[in-house]
Structure formats: structure tokens, C-alpha cells
């Protein structure tokens, strides 16, 4: 939504407010503090028609899989998707800003999660 609360033209308004657009309706809490060596995870559920794709980012870059990071996805009905990212064991390098992006033909929705470790 623009800062002014209104889009420039009706085409933009119809595009971004399309009822079939991807919309995240369930997500993890914004701020997470984790202990080193423990498991951390983030959850993201979205709906849309057609079913959205979920992409995960860390500090602005798409996440690259490695041995202690796993992404699981489940389809929910004909237009939903659930995605969970797990990091086990968590290290200092896992602290940062994570983002879940749901994307389909009509819209993009994002949720951001911030993490930091405790000693």
C-alpha cells in the first residue's frame, strides 16, 4: 500500500487488491532470539489463485541451501501452500533478517523475521 493510502490509477489498485493475489495469512513472529546450537525455524502460509510460490531470503539475498538448513513445503487444498525453514544447529552466522515472499500471477506479499542469538 502506498504511503498516501491510494494508488496512482485504477489499474494499479485493481492489480494490487486482486482477490486472487498471493496473501500470507500465517507467519512466525517478527523478532526471534535463539540459543547457539539449538534449532530455529520460521513458518509461512499463503493462499492465492493460482497457488503462490514461496521464496525465502536472508539479509536481502535468496537463501542458498546448506547442510544445516532445510526447507519443507506442503500444499494446502487447491490454492494454499505452507513453507517451513529449519536451521539446526543454529550458529552466529544464522543471525539476520529473513523474509518469506509469496508470489503468484496477481500479487506479491512479504513477511519479515529478525533473528539474533543469545549466549
PDB file of N, CA and C in Angstrom:
ATOM      1  N   UNK A   1       0.851  -1.175   0.000  1.00  0.00           N
ATOM      2  CA  UNK A   1       0.000   0.000   0.000  1.00  0.00           C
ATOM      3  C   UNK A   1       0.901   1.245   0.000  1.00  0.00           C
ATOM      4  N   UNK A   2       0.643   2.167  -0.873  1.00  0.00           N
ATOM      5  CA  UNK A   2       1.425   3.406  -0.883  1.00  0.00           C
ATOM      6  C   UNK A   2       1.243   4.197   0.410  1.00  0.00           C
ATOM      7  N   UNK A   3       2.202   5.050   0.696  1.00  0.00           N
ATOM      8  CA  UNK A   3       2.159   5.862   1.917  1.00  0.00           C
ATOM      9  C   UNK A   3       0.895   6.706   1.969  1.00  0.00           C
ATOM     10  N   UNK A   4       0.474   7.214   0.821  1.00  0.00           N
ATOM     11  CA  UNK A   4      -0.722   8.070   0.764  1.00  0.00           C
ATOM     12  C   UNK A   4      -2.009   7.288   0.980  1.00  0.00           C
ATOM     13  N   UNK A   5      -1.947   5.967   0.847  1.00  0.00           N
ATOM     14  CA  UNK A   5      -3.141   5.144   1.015  1.00  0.00           C
ATOM     15  C   UNK A   5      -3.923   4.966  -0.268  1.00  0.00           C
ATOM     16  N   UNK A   6      -3.472   5.604  -1.363  1.00  0.00           N
ATOM     17  CA  UNK A   6      -4.158   5.495  -2.649  1.00  0.00           C
ATOM     18  C   UNK A   6      -3.144   5.208  -3.749  1.00  0.00           C
ATOM     19  N   UNK A   7      -3.575   4.399  -4.715  1.00  0.00           N
ATOM     20  CA  UNK A   7      -2.728   4.110  -5.864  1.00  0.00           C
ATOM     21  C   UNK A   7      -2.896   5.196  -6.914  1.00  0.00           C
ATOM     22  N   UNK A   8      -1.914   5.317  -7.812  1.00  0.00           N
ATOM     23  CA  UNK A   8      -1.934   6.359  -8.849  1.00  0.00           C
ATOM     24  C   UNK A   8      -3.121   6.255  -9.782  1.00  0.00           C
ATOM     25  N   UNK A   9      -3.478   5.018 -10.138  1.00  0.00           N
ATOM     26  CA  UNK A   9      -4.577   4.828 -11.085  1.00  0.00           C
ATOM     27  C   UNK A   9      -5.368   3.582 -10.714  1.00  0.00           C
ATOM     28  N   UNK A  10      -6.500   3.414 -11.364  1.00  0.00           N
ATOM     29  CA  UNK A  10      -7.377   2.285 -11.035  1.00  0.00           C
ATOM     30  C   UNK A  10      -6.750   0.948 -11.433  1.00  0.00           C
ATOM     31  N   UNK A  11      -5.923   0.921 -12.497  1.00  0.00           N
ATOM     32  CA  UNK A  11      -5.275  -0.335 -12.896  1.00  0.00           C
ATOM     33  C   UNK A  11      -4.354  -0.842 -11.799  1.00  0.00           C
ATOM     34  N   UNK A  12      -3.581   0.042 -11.184  1.00  0.00           N
ATOM     35  CA  UNK A  12      -2.700  -0.354 -10.077  1.00  0.00           C
ATOM     36  C   UNK A  12      -3.516  -0.847  -8.902  1.00  0.00           C
ATOM     37  N   UNK A  13      -4.585  -0.145  -8.578  1.00  0.00           N
ATOM     38  CA  UNK A  13      -5.446  -0.536  -7.462  1.00  0.00           C
ATOM     39  C   UNK A  13      -6.039  -1.921  -7.702  1.00  0.00           C
ATOM     40  N   UNK A  14      -6.519  -2.172  -8.908  1.00  0.00           N
ATOM     41  CA  UNK A  14      -7.101  -3.473  -9.223  1.00  0.00           C
ATOM     42  C   UNK A  14      -6.051  -4.574  -9.179  1.00  0.00           C
ATOM     43  N   UNK A  15      -4.828  -4.272  -9.624  1.00  0.00           N
ATOM     44  CA  UNK A  15      -3.758  -5.270  -9.616  1.00  0.00           C
ATOM     45  C   UNK A  15      -3.386  -5.654  -8.186  1.00  0.00           C
ATOM     46  N   UNK A  16      -3.080  -4.668  -7.349  1.00  0.00           N
ATOM     47  CA  UNK A  16      -2.601  -4.960  -6.000  1.00  0.00           C
ATOM     48  C   UNK A  16      -3.692  -5.427  -5.052  1.00  0.00           C
ATOM     49  N   UNK A  17      -4.926  -5.149  -5.352  1.00  0.00           N
ATOM     50  CA  UNK A  17      -6.030  -5.581  -4.496  1.00  0.00           C
ATOM     51  C   UNK A  17      -6.845  -6.698  -5.122  1.00  0.00           C
ATOM     52  N   UNK A  18      -6.256  -7.420  -6.065  1.00  0.00           N
ATOM     53  CA  UNK A  18      -6.931  -8.524  -6.721  1.00  0.00           C
ATOM     54  C   UNK A  18      -7.265  -9.599  -5.689  1.00  0.00           C
ATOM     55  N   UNK A  19      -8.504 -10.065  -5.641  1.00  0.00           N
ATOM     56  CA  UNK A  19      -8.873 -11.085  -4.645  1.00  0.00           C
ATOM     57  C   UNK A  19      -8.160 -12.413  -4.842  1.00  0.00           C
ATOM     58  N   UNK A  20      -7.589 -12.650  -6.019  1.00  0.00           N
ATOM     59  CA  UNK A  20      -6.859 -13.886  -6.287  1.00  0.00           C
ATOM     60  C   UNK A  20      -5.368 -13.764  -6.005  1.00  0.00           C
ATOM     61  N   UNK A  21      -4.915 -12.586  -5.606  1.00  0.00           N
ATOM     62  CA  UNK A  21      -3.499 -12.352  -5.375  1.00  0.00           C
ATOM     63  C   UNK A  21      -2.950 -13.152  -4.206  1.00  0.00           C
ATOM     64  N   UNK A  22      -1.655 -13.420  -4.241  1.00  0.00           N
ATOM     65  CA  UNK A  22      -0.979 -14.141  -3.153  1.00  0.00           C
ATOM     66  C   UNK A  22      -1.076 -13.326  -1.873  1.00  0.00           C
ATOM     67  N   UNK A  23      -1.433 -13.983  -0.785  1.00  0.00           N
ATOM     68  CA  UNK A  23      -1.567 -13.313   0.510  1.00  0.00           C
ATOM     69  C   UNK A  23      -1.075 -14.245   1.601  1.00  0.00           C
ATOM     70  N   UNK A  24      -0.111 -13.783   2.377  1.00  0.00           N
ATOM     71  CA  UNK A  24       0.377 -14.558   3.520  1.00  0.00           C
ATOM     72  C   UNK A  24      -0.611 -14.358   4.661  1.00  0.00           C
ATOM     73  N   UNK A  25      -1.151 -15.445   5.172  1.00  0.00           N
ATOM     74  CA  UNK A  25      -2.144 -15.328   6.244  1.00  0.00           C
ATOM     75  C   UNK A  25      -1.671 -15.918   7.566  1.00  0.00           C
ATOM     76  N   UNK A  26      -0.524 -16.584   7.570  1.00  0.00           N
ATOM     77  CA  UNK A  26       0.029 -17.086   8.827  1.00  0.00           C
ATOM     78  C   UNK A  26       1.550 -17.073   8.703  1.00  0.00           C
ATOM     79  N   UNK A  27       2.216 -16.509   9.724  1.00  0.00           N
ATOM     80  CA  UNK A  27       3.673 -16.433   9.679  1.00  0.00           C
ATOM     81  C   UNK A  27       4.223 -16.411  11.100  1.00  0.00           C
ATOM     82  N   UNK A  28       5.503 -16.720  11.223  1.00  0.00           N
ATOM     83  CA  UNK A  28       6.177 -16.699  12.521  1.00  0.00           C
ATOM     84  C   UNK A  28       6.229 -15.274  13.063  1.00  0.00           C
ATOM     85  N   UNK A  29       6.594 -15.155  14.337  1.00  0.00           N
ATOM     86  CA  UNK A  29       6.731 -13.843  14.965  1.00  0.00           C
ATOM     87  C   UNK A  29       7.887 -13.073  14.361  1.00  0.00           C
ATOM     88  N   UNK A  30       7.811 -11.757  14.433  1.00  0.00           N
ATOM     89  CA  UNK A  30       8.808 -10.886  13.808  1.00  0.00           C
ATOM     90  C   UNK A  30      10.189 -11.034  14.431  1.00  0.00           C
ATOM     91  N   UNK A  31      10.278 -11.038  15.749  1.00  0.00           N
ATOM     92  CA  UNK A  31      11.573 -10.981  16.428  1.00  0.00           C
ATOM     93  C   UNK A  31      11.830 -12.291  17.173  1.00  0.00           C
ATOM     94  N   UNK A  32      12.945 -12.935  16.864  1.00  0.00           N
ATOM     95  CA  UNK A  32      13.280 -14.217  17.481  1.00  0.00           C
ATOM     96  C   UNK A  32      14.693 -14.171  18.024  1.00  0.00           C
ATOM     97  N   UNK A  33      14.844 -14.586  19.269  1.00  0.00           N
ATOM     98  CA  UNK A  33      16.167 -14.726  19.861  1.00  0.00           C
ATOM     99  C   UNK A  33      16.399 -16.212  20.085  1.00  0.00           C
ATOM    100  N   UNK A  34      17.514 -16.736  19.571  1.00  0.00           N
ATOM    101  CA  UNK A  34      17.776 -18.165  19.670  1.00  0.00           C
ATOM    102  C   UNK A  34      19.094 -18.420  20.393  1.00  0.00           C
ATOM    103  N   UNK A  35      19.234 -19.652  20.870  1.00  0.00           N
ATOM    104  CA  UNK A  35      20.472 -20.067  21.531  1.00  0.00           C
ATOM    105  C   UNK A  35      21.344 -20.797  20.524  1.00  0.00           C
ATOM    106  N   UNK A  36      22.624 -20.522  20.585  1.00  0.00           N
ATOM    107  CA  UNK A  36      23.563 -21.183  19.680  1.00  0.00           C
ATOM    108  C   UNK A  36      23.491 -22.694  19.877  1.00  0.00           C
ATOM    109  N   UNK A  37      23.517 -23.430  18.779  1.00  0.00           N
ATOM    110  CA  UNK A  37      23.482 -24.885  18.835  1.00  0.00           C
ATOM    111  C   UNK A  37      22.086 -25.471  18.878  1.00  0.00           C
ATOM    112  N   UNK A  38      21.051 -24.649  19.040  1.00  0.00           N
ATOM    113  CA  UNK A  38      19.675 -25.139  19.065  1.00  0.00           C
ATOM    114  C   UNK A  38      19.048 -24.979  17.684  1.00  0.00           C
ATOM    115  N   UNK A  39      17.845 -25.507  17.519  1.00  0.00           N
ATOM    116  CA  UNK A  39      17.126 -25.417  16.256  1.00  0.00           C
ATOM    117  C   UNK A  39      16.310 -24.129  16.223  1.00  0.00           C
ATOM    118  N   UNK A  40      16.305 -23.470  15.060  1.00  0.00           N
ATOM    119  CA  UNK A  40      15.397 -22.341  14.851  1.00  0.00           C
ATOM    120  C   UNK A  40      14.588 -22.637  13.580  1.00  0.00           C
ATOM    121  N   UNK A  41      13.357 -22.129  13.544  1.00  0.00           N
ATOM    122  CA  UNK A  41      12.552 -22.323  12.344  1.00  0.00           C
ATOM    123  C   UNK A  41      11.601 -21.152  12.157  1.00  0.00           C
ATOM    124  N   UNK A  42      11.221 -20.960  10.896  1.00  0.00           N
ATOM    125  CA  UNK A  42      10.248 -19.939  10.524  1.00  0.00           C
ATOM    126  C   UNK A  42       9.175 -20.603   9.678  1.00  0.00           C
ATOM    127  N   UNK A  43       7.948 -20.125   9.833  1.00  0.00           N
ATOM    128  CA  UNK A  43       6.794 -20.688   9.155  1.00  0.00           C
ATOM    129  C   UNK A  43       6.115 -19.606   8.324  1.00  0.00           C
ATOM    130  N   UNK A  44       5.626 -19.990   7.159  1.00  0.00           N
ATOM    131  CA  UNK A  44       4.941 -19.053   6.277  1.00  0.00           C
ATOM    132  C   UNK A  44       3.838 -19.816   5.540  1.00  0.00           C
ATOM    133  N   UNK A  45       2.577 -19.340   5.641  1.00  0.00           N
ATOM    134  CA  UNK A  45       1.461 -19.935   4.917  1.00  0.00           C
ATOM    135  C   UNK A  45       0.832 -18.873   4.045  1.00  0.00           C
ATOM    136  N   UNK A  46       0.537 -19.242   2.793  1.00  0.00           N
ATOM    137  CA  UNK A  46      -0.049 -18.280   1.860  1.00  0.00           C
ATOM    138  C   UNK A  46      -1.148 -18.939   1.046  1.00  0.00           C
ATOM    139  N   UNK A  47      -2.028 -18.094   0.523  1.00  0.00           N
ATOM    140  CA  UNK A  47      -3.108 -18.545  -0.351  1.00  0.00           C
ATOM    141  C   UNK A  47      -3.194 -17.609  -1.550  1.00  0.00           C
ATOM    142  N   UNK A  48      -3.742 -18.117  -2.620  1.00  0.00           N
ATOM    143  CA  UNK A  48      -3.949 -17.333  -3.827  1.00  0.00           C
ATOM    144  C   UNK A  48      -4.394 -18.247  -4.949  1.00  0.00           C
ATOM    145  N   UNK A  49      -4.927 -17.650  -6.015  1.00  0.00           N
ATOM    146  CA  UNK A  49      -5.373 -18.425  -7.167  1.00  0.00           C
ATOM    147  C   UNK A  49      -4.761 -17.812  -8.414  1.00  0.00           C
ATOM    148  N   UNK A  50      -3.784 -18.399  -9.045  1.00  0.00           N
ATOM    149  CA  UNK A  50      -3.227 -19.728  -8.791  1.00  0.00           C
ATOM    150  C   UNK A  50      -2.381 -19.774  -7.512  1.00  0.00           C
ATOM    151  N   UNK A  51      -2.117 -21.006  -7.045  1.00  0.00           N
ATOM    152  CA  UNK A  51      -1.350 -21.212  -5.811  1.00  0.00           C
ATOM    153  C   UNK A  51      -0.019 -20.471  -5.913  1.00  0.00           C
ATOM    154  N   UNK A  52       0.318 -19.693  -4.869  1.00  0.00           N
ATOM    155  CA  UNK A  52       1.586 -18.947  -4.910  1.00  0.00           C
ATOM    156  C   UNK A  52       2.810 -19.839  -4.723  1.00  0.00           C
ATOM    157  N   UNK A  53       3.949 -19.294  -5.091  1.00  0.00           N
ATOM    158  CA  UNK A  53       5.252 -19.882  -4.794  1.00  0.00           C
ATOM    159  C   UNK A  53       5.814 -19.139  -3.598  1.00  0.00           C
ATOM    160  N   UNK A  54       6.540 -19.831  -2.727  1.00  0.00           N
ATOM    161  CA  UNK A  54       7.178 -19.185  -1.582  1.00  0.00           C
ATOM    162  C   UNK A  54       8.689 -19.252  -1.776  1.00  0.00           C
ATOM    163  N   UNK A  55       9.325 -18.095  -1.624  1.00  0.00           N
ATOM    164  CA  UNK A  55      10.780 -17.988  -1.723  1.00  0.00           C
ATOM    165  C   UNK A  55      11.298 -17.381  -0.428  1.00  0.00           C
ATOM    166  N   UNK A  56      12.396 -17.900   0.090  1.00  0.00           N
ATOM    167  CA  UNK A  56      12.995 -17.418   1.335  1.00  0.00           C
ATOM    168  C   UNK A  56      14.248 -16.608   1.037  1.00  0.00           C
ATOM    169  N   UNK A  57      14.424 -15.521   1.796  1.00  0.00           N
ATOM    170  CA  UNK A  57      15.586 -14.656   1.668  1.00  0.00           C
ATOM    171  C   UNK A  57      16.213 -14.442   3.044  1.00  0.00           C
ATOM    172  N   UNK A  58      17.523 -14.220   3.061  1.00  0.00           N
ATOM    173  CA  UNK A  58      18.234 -13.836   4.285  1.00  0.00           C
ATOM    174  C   UNK A  58      19.088 -12.623   3.945  1.00  0.00           C
ATOM    175  N   UNK A  59      18.896 -11.561   4.700  1.00  0.00           N
ATOM    176  CA  UNK A  59      19.637 -10.310   4.508  1.00  0.00           C
ATOM    177  C   UNK A  59      19.580  -9.835   3.052  1.00  0.00           C
ATOM    178  N   UNK A  60      18.415  -9.988   2.420  1.00  0.00           N
ATOM    179  CA  UNK A  60      18.193  -9.475   1.076  1.00  0.00           C
ATOM    180  C   UNK A  60      18.581 -10.392  -0.062  1.00  0.00           C
ATOM    181  N   UNK A  61      19.196 -11.544   0.215  1.00  0.00           N
ATOM    182  CA  UNK A  61      19.602 -12.477  -0.840  1.00  0.00           C
ATOM    183  C   UNK A  61      18.831 -13.780  -0.692  1.00  0.00           C
ATOM    184  N   UNK A  62      18.497 -14.401  -1.830  1.00  0.00           N
ATOM    185  CA  UNK A  62      17.801 -15.680  -1.776  1.00  0.00           C
ATOM    186  C   UNK A  62      18.660 -16.690  -1.026  1.00  0.00           C
ATOM    187  N   UNK A  63      18.025 -17.472  -0.180  1.00  0.00           N
ATOM    188  CA  UNK A  63      18.744 -18.422   0.670  1.00  0.00           C
ATOM    189  C   UNK A  63      19.324 -19.553  -0.172  1.00  0.00           C
ATOM    190  N   UNK A  64      20.576 -19.854   0.093  1.00  0.00           N
ATOM    191  CA  UNK A  64      21.266 -20.970  -0.540  1.00  0.00           C
ATOM    192  C   UNK A  64      21.273 -22.122   0.460  1.00  0.00           C
ATOM    193  N   UNK A  65      20.837 -23.281   0.014  1.00  0.00           N
ATOM    194  CA  UNK A  65      20.760 -24.442   0.898  1.00  0.00           C
ATOM    195  C   UNK A  65      22.155 -24.886   1.330  1.00  0.00           C
ATOM    196  N   UNK A  66      22.248 -25.332   2.576  1.00  0.00           N
ATOM    197  CA  UNK A  66      23.482 -25.933   3.077  1.00  0.00           C
ATOM    198  C   UNK A  66      23.107 -27.036   4.052  1.00  0.00           C
ATOM    199  N   UNK A  67      24.093 -27.707   4.594  1.00  0.00           N
ATOM    200  CA  UNK A  67      23.840 -28.942   5.340  1.00  0.00           C
ATOM    201  C   UNK A  67      22.981 -28.775   6.587  1.00  0.00           C
ATOM    202  N   UNK A  68      22.973 -27.601   7.216  1.00  0.00           N
ATOM    203  CA  UNK A  68      22.160 -27.452   8.430  1.00  0.00           C
ATOM    204  C   UNK A  68      20.903 -26.616   8.193  1.00  0.00           C
ATOM    205  N   UNK A  69      20.519 -26.416   6.927  1.00  0.00           N
ATOM    206  CA  UNK A  69      19.318 -25.654   6.599  1.00  0.00           C
ATOM    207  C   UNK A  69      18.415 -26.497   5.700  1.00  0.00           C
ATOM    208  N   UNK A  70      17.155 -26.622   6.083  1.00  0.00           N
ATOM    209  CA  UNK A  70      16.195 -27.424   5.326  1.00  0.00           C
ATOM    210  C   UNK A  70      14.912 -26.631   5.126  1.00  0.00           C
ATOM    211  N   UNK A  71      14.351 -26.717   3.934  1.00  0.00           N
ATOM    212  CA  UNK A  71      13.068 -26.080   3.623  1.00  0.00           C
ATOM    213  C   UNK A  71      12.065 -27.190   3.322  1.00  0.00           C
ATOM    214  N   UNK A  72      10.902 -27.138   3.983  1.00  0.00           N
ATOM    215  CA  UNK A  72       9.824 -28.100   3.766  1.00  0.00           C
ATOM    216  C   UNK A  72       8.615 -27.339   3.239  1.00  0.00           C
ATOM    217  N   UNK A  73       7.911 -27.927   2.267  1.00  0.00           N
ATOM    218  CA  UNK A  73       6.702 -27.305   1.729  1.00  0.00           C
ATOM    219  C   UNK A  73       5.574 -28.321   1.659  1.00  0.00           C
ATOM    220  N   UNK A  74       4.355 -27.821   1.920  1.00  0.00           N
ATOM    221  CA  UNK A  74       3.150 -28.626   1.832  1.00  0.00           C
ATOM    222  C   UNK A  74       2.098 -27.827   1.070  1.00  0.00           C
ATOM    223  N   UNK A  75       1.351 -28.516   0.210  1.00  0.00           N
ATOM    224  CA  UNK A  75       0.215 -27.877  -0.455  1.00  0.00           C
ATOM    225  C   UNK A  75      -0.992 -27.994   0.451  1.00  0.00           C
ATOM    226  N   UNK A  76      -1.753 -26.910   0.555  1.00  0.00           N
ATOM    227  CA  UNK A  76      -2.963 -26.862   1.372  1.00  0.00           C
ATOM    228  C   UNK A  76      -4.146 -26.639   0.447  1.00  0.00           C
ATOM    229  N   UNK A  77      -4.898 -27.686   0.159  1.00  0.00           N
ATOM    230  CA  UNK A  77      -6.017 -27.570  -0.759  1.00  0.00           C
ATOM    231  C   UNK A  77      -5.544 -27.218  -2.158  1.00  0.00           C
ATOM    232  N   UNK A  78      -6.420 -26.541  -2.914  1.00  0.00           N
ATOM    233  CA  UNK A  78      -6.067 -26.220  -4.297  1.00  0.00           C
ATOM    234  C   UNK A  78      -5.372 -24.873  -4.449  1.00  0.00           C
ATOM    235  N   UNK A  79      -5.404 -24.029  -3.410  1.00  0.00           N
ATOM    236  CA  UNK A  79      -4.813 -22.696  -3.569  1.00  0.00           C
ATOM    237  C   UNK A  79      -3.921 -22.257  -2.415  1.00  0.00           C
ATOM    238  N   UNK A  80      -3.513 -23.184  -1.564  1.00  0.00           N
ATOM    239  CA  UNK A  80      -2.680 -22.813  -0.427  1.00  0.00           C
ATOM    240  C   UNK A  80      -1.341 -23.529  -0.416  1.00  0.00           C
ATOM    241  N   UNK A  81      -0.384 -22.931   0.275  1.00  0.00           N
ATOM    242  CA  UNK A  81       0.936 -23.518   0.431  1.00  0.00           C
ATOM    243  C   UNK A  81       1.475 -23.141   1.811  1.00  0.00           C
ATOM    244  N   UNK A  82       2.187 -24.066   2.416  1.00  0.00           N
ATOM    245  CA  UNK A  82       2.820 -23.850   3.714  1.00  0.00           C
ATOM    246  C   UNK A  82       4.302 -24.168   3.536  1.00  0.00           C
ATOM    247  N   UNK A  83       5.153 -23.286   4.028  1.00  0.00           N
ATOM    248  CA  UNK A  83       6.593 -23.494   3.910  1.00  0.00           C
ATOM    249  C   UNK A  83       7.237 -23.265   5.269  1.00  0.00           C
ATOM    250  N   UNK A  84       8.192 -24.124   5.589  1.00  0.00           N
ATOM    251  CA  UNK A  84       8.904 -24.002   6.857  1.00  0.00           C
ATOM    252  C   UNK A  84      10.387 -24.136   6.584  1.00  0.00           C
ATOM    253  N   UNK A  85      11.160 -23.227   7.166  1.00  0.00           N
ATOM    254  CA  UNK A  85      12.610 -23.298   7.055  1.00  0.00           C
ATOM    255  C   UNK A  85      13.147 -23.661   8.438  1.00  0.00           C
ATOM    256  N   UNK A  86      14.024 -24.663   8.499  1.00  0.00           N
ATOM    257  CA  UNK A  86      14.626 -25.116   9.751  1.00  0.00           C
ATOM    258  C   UNK A  86      16.140 -24.992   9.657  1.00  0.00           C
ATOM    259  N   UNK A  87      16.733 -24.482  10.722  1.00  0.00           N
ATOM    260  CA  UNK A  87      18.189 -24.386  10.817  1.00  0.00           C
ATOM    261  C   UNK A  87      18.598 -25.115  12.087  1.00  0.00           C
ATOM    262  N   UNK A  88      19.401 -26.175  11.920  1.00  0.00           N
ATOM    263  CA  UNK A  88      19.782 -26.994  13.066  1.00  0.00           C
ATOM    264  C   UNK A  88      21.156 -27.614  12.817  1.00  0.00           C
ATOM    265  N   UNK A  89      22.132 -27.315  13.603  1.00  0.00           N
ATOM    266  CA  UNK A  89      22.156 -26.392  14.743  1.00  0.00           C
ATOM    267  C   UNK A  89      22.388 -24.950  14.274  1.00  0.00           C
ATOM    268  N   UNK A  90      21.845 -24.010  15.010  1.00  0.00           N
ATOM    269  CA  UNK A  90      21.988 -22.591  14.684  1.00  0.00           C
ATOM    270  C   UNK A  90      23.352 -22.072  15.130  1.00  0.00           C
ATOM    271  N   UNK A  91      23.956 -21.253  14.284  1.00  0.00           N
ATOM    272  CA  UNK A  91      25.262 -20.666  14.583  1.00  0.00           C
ATOM    273  C   UNK A  91      25.146 -19.145  14.601  1.00  0.00           C
ATOM    274  N   UNK A  92      26.243 -18.464  14.914  1.00  0.00           N
ATOM    275  CA  UNK A  92      26.245 -16.999  14.898  1.00  0.00           C
ATOM    276  C   UNK A  92      25.937 -16.463  13.509  1.00  0.00           C
ATOM    277  N   UNK A  93      26.362 -17.173  12.475  1.00  0.00           N
ATOM    278  CA  UNK A  93      26.140 -16.742  11.095  1.00  0.00           C
ATOM    279  C   UNK A  93      24.669 -16.772  10.694  1.00  0.00           C
ATOM    280  N   UNK A  94      23.822 -17.441  11.470  1.00  0.00           N
ATOM    281  CA  UNK A  94      22.397 -17.522  11.139  1.00  0.00           C
ATOM    282  C   UNK A  94      21.608 -16.311  11.625  1.00  0.00           C
ATOM    283  N   UNK A  95      22.228 -15.435  12.388  1.00  0.00           N
ATOM    284  CA  UNK A  95      21.557 -14.206  12.828  1.00  0.00           C
ATOM    285  C   UNK A  95      21.361 -13.301  11.615  1.00  0.00           C
ATOM    286  N   UNK A  96      20.236 -12.586  11.582  1.00  0.00           N
ATOM    287  CA  UNK A  96      19.985 -11.670  10.471  1.00  0.00           C
ATOM    288  C   UNK A  96      18.511 -11.434  10.258  1.00  0.00           C
ATOM    289  N   UNK A  97      18.187 -10.947   9.073  1.00  0.00           N
ATOM    290  CA  UNK A  97      16.802 -10.650   8.708  1.00  0.00           C
ATOM    291  C   UNK A  97      16.379 -11.642   7.621  1.00  0.00           C
ATOM    292  N   UNK A  98      15.348 -12.423   7.917  1.00  0.00           N
ATOM    293  CA  UNK A  98      14.805 -13.399   6.984  1.00  0.00           C
ATOM    294  C   UNK A  98      13.508 -12.863   6.412  1.00  0.00           C
ATOM    295  N   UNK A  99      13.203 -13.278   5.184  1.00  0.00           N
ATOM    296  CA  UNK A  99      11.980 -12.817   4.546  1.00  0.00           C
ATOM    297  C   UNK A  99      11.339 -13.966   3.780  1.00  0.00           C
ATOM    298  N   UNK A 100      10.036 -14.089   3.945  1.00  0.00           N
ATOM    299  CA  UNK A 100       9.229 -15.050   3.213  1.00  0.00           C
ATOM    300  C   UNK A 100       8.457 -14.246   2.164  1.00  0.00           C
ATOM    301  N   UNK A 101       8.557 -14.650   0.905  1.00  0.00           N
ATOM    302  CA  UNK A 101       7.849 -13.959  -0.175  1.00  0.00           C
ATOM    303  C   UNK A 101       6.910 -14.940  -0.856  1.00  0.00           C
ATOM    304  N   UNK A 102       5.617 -14.601  -0.884  1.00  0.00           N
ATOM    305  CA  UNK A 102       4.618 -15.387  -1.602  1.00  0.00           C
ATOM    306  C   UNK A 102       4.288 -14.636  -2.889  1.00  0.00           C
ATOM    307  N   UNK A 103       4.310 -15.347  -3.996  1.00  0.00           N
ATOM    308  CA  UNK A 103       4.227 -14.705  -5.305  1.00  0.00           C
ATOM    309  C   UNK A 103       3.345 -15.536  -6.232  1.00  0.00           C
ATOM    310  N   UNK A 104       2.352 -14.891  -6.854  1.00  0.00           N
ATOM    311  CA  UNK A 104       1.609 -15.546  -7.925  1.00  0.00           C
ATOM    312  C   UNK A 104       1.361 -14.531  -9.037  1.00  0.00           C
ATOM    313  N   UNK A 105       0.530 -14.896  -9.979  1.00  0.00           N
ATOM    314  CA  UNK A 105       0.271 -14.082 -11.156  1.00  0.00           C
ATOM    315  C   UNK A 105      -0.243 -12.684 -10.820  1.00  0.00           C
ATOM    316  N   UNK A 106      -0.929 -12.528  -9.686  1.00  0.00           N
ATOM    317  CA  UNK A 106      -1.628 -11.281  -9.388  1.00  0.00           C
ATOM    318  C   UNK A 106      -0.989 -10.397  -8.332  1.00  0.00           C
ATOM    319  N   UNK A 107      -0.197 -10.963  -7.431  1.00  0.00           N
ATOM    320  CA  UNK A 107       0.346 -10.127  -6.353  1.00  0.00           C
ATOM    321  C   UNK A 107       1.532 -10.813  -5.682  1.00  0.00           C
ATOM    322  N   UNK A 108       2.271 -10.003  -4.927  1.00  0.00           N
ATOM    323  CA  UNK A 108       3.383 -10.475  -4.104  1.00  0.00           C
ATOM    324  C   UNK A 108       3.125  -9.994  -2.682  1.00  0.00           C
ATOM    325  N   UNK A 109       3.353 -10.872  -1.712  1.00  0.00           N
ATOM    326  CA  UNK A 109       3.217 -10.499  -0.303  1.00  0.00           C
ATOM    327  C   UNK A 109       4.485 -10.938   0.408  1.00  0.00           C
ATOM    328  N   UNK A 110       4.908 -10.154   1.410  1.00  0.00           N
ATOM    329  CA  UNK A 110       6.152 -10.454   2.136  1.00  0.00           C
ATOM    330  C   UNK A 110       5.935 -10.356   3.636  1.00  0.00           C
ATOM    331  N   UNK A 111       6.654 -11.198   4.353  1.00  0.00           N
ATOM    332  CA  UNK A 111       6.735 -11.106   5.809  1.00  0.00           C
ATOM    333  C   UNK A 111       8.204 -11.179   6.181  1.00  0.00           C
ATOM    334  N   UNK A 112       8.591 -10.380   7.155  1.00  0.00           N
ATOM    335  CA  UNK A 112       9.999 -10.295   7.566  1.00  0.00           C
ATOM    336  C   UNK A 112      10.145 -10.786   8.993  1.00  0.00           C
ATOM    337  N   UNK A 113      11.271 -11.480   9.257  1.00  0.00           N
ATOM    338  CA  UNK A 113      11.581 -12.008  10.574  1.00  0.00           C
ATOM    339  C   UNK A 113      13.002 -11.611  10.919  1.00  0.00           C
ATOM    340  N   UNK A 114      13.209 -11.136  12.129  1.00  0.00           N
ATOM    341  CA  UNK A 114      14.547 -10.727  12.584  1.00  0.00           C
ATOM    342  C   UNK A 114      15.025 -11.731  13.624  1.00  0.00           C
ATOM    343  N   UNK A 115      16.287 -12.158  13.508  1.00  0.00           N
ATOM    344  CA  UNK A 115      16.846 -13.090  14.483  1.00  0.00           C
ATOM    345  C   UNK A 115      18.164 -12.577  15.034  1.00  0.00           C
ATOM    346  N   UNK A 116      18.401 -12.958  16.272  1.00  0.00           N
ATOM    347  CA  UNK A 116      19.692 -12.698  16.909  1.00  0.00           C
ATOM    348  C   UNK A 116      19.907 -13.798  17.931  1.00  0.00           C
ATOM    349  N   UNK A 117      21.144 -14.076  18.245  1.00  0.00           N
ATOM    350  CA  UNK A 117      21.441 -15.169  19.176  1.00  0.00           C
ATOM    351  C   UNK A 117      21.683 -14.643  20.581  1.00  0.00           C
ATOM    352  N   UNK A 118      21.492 -15.521  21.544  1.00  0.00           N
ATOM    353  CA  UNK A 118      21.794 -15.211  22.949  1.00  0.00           C
ATOM    354  C   UNK A 118      22.852 -16.195  23.415  1.00  0.00           C
ATOM    355  N   UNK A 119      23.601 -15.754  24.388  1.00  0.00           N
ATOM    356  CA  UNK A 119      24.686 -16.604  24.900  1.00  0.00           C
ATOM    357  C   UNK A 119      24.266 -17.234  26.216  1.00  0.00           C
TER     358      UNK A 119
END
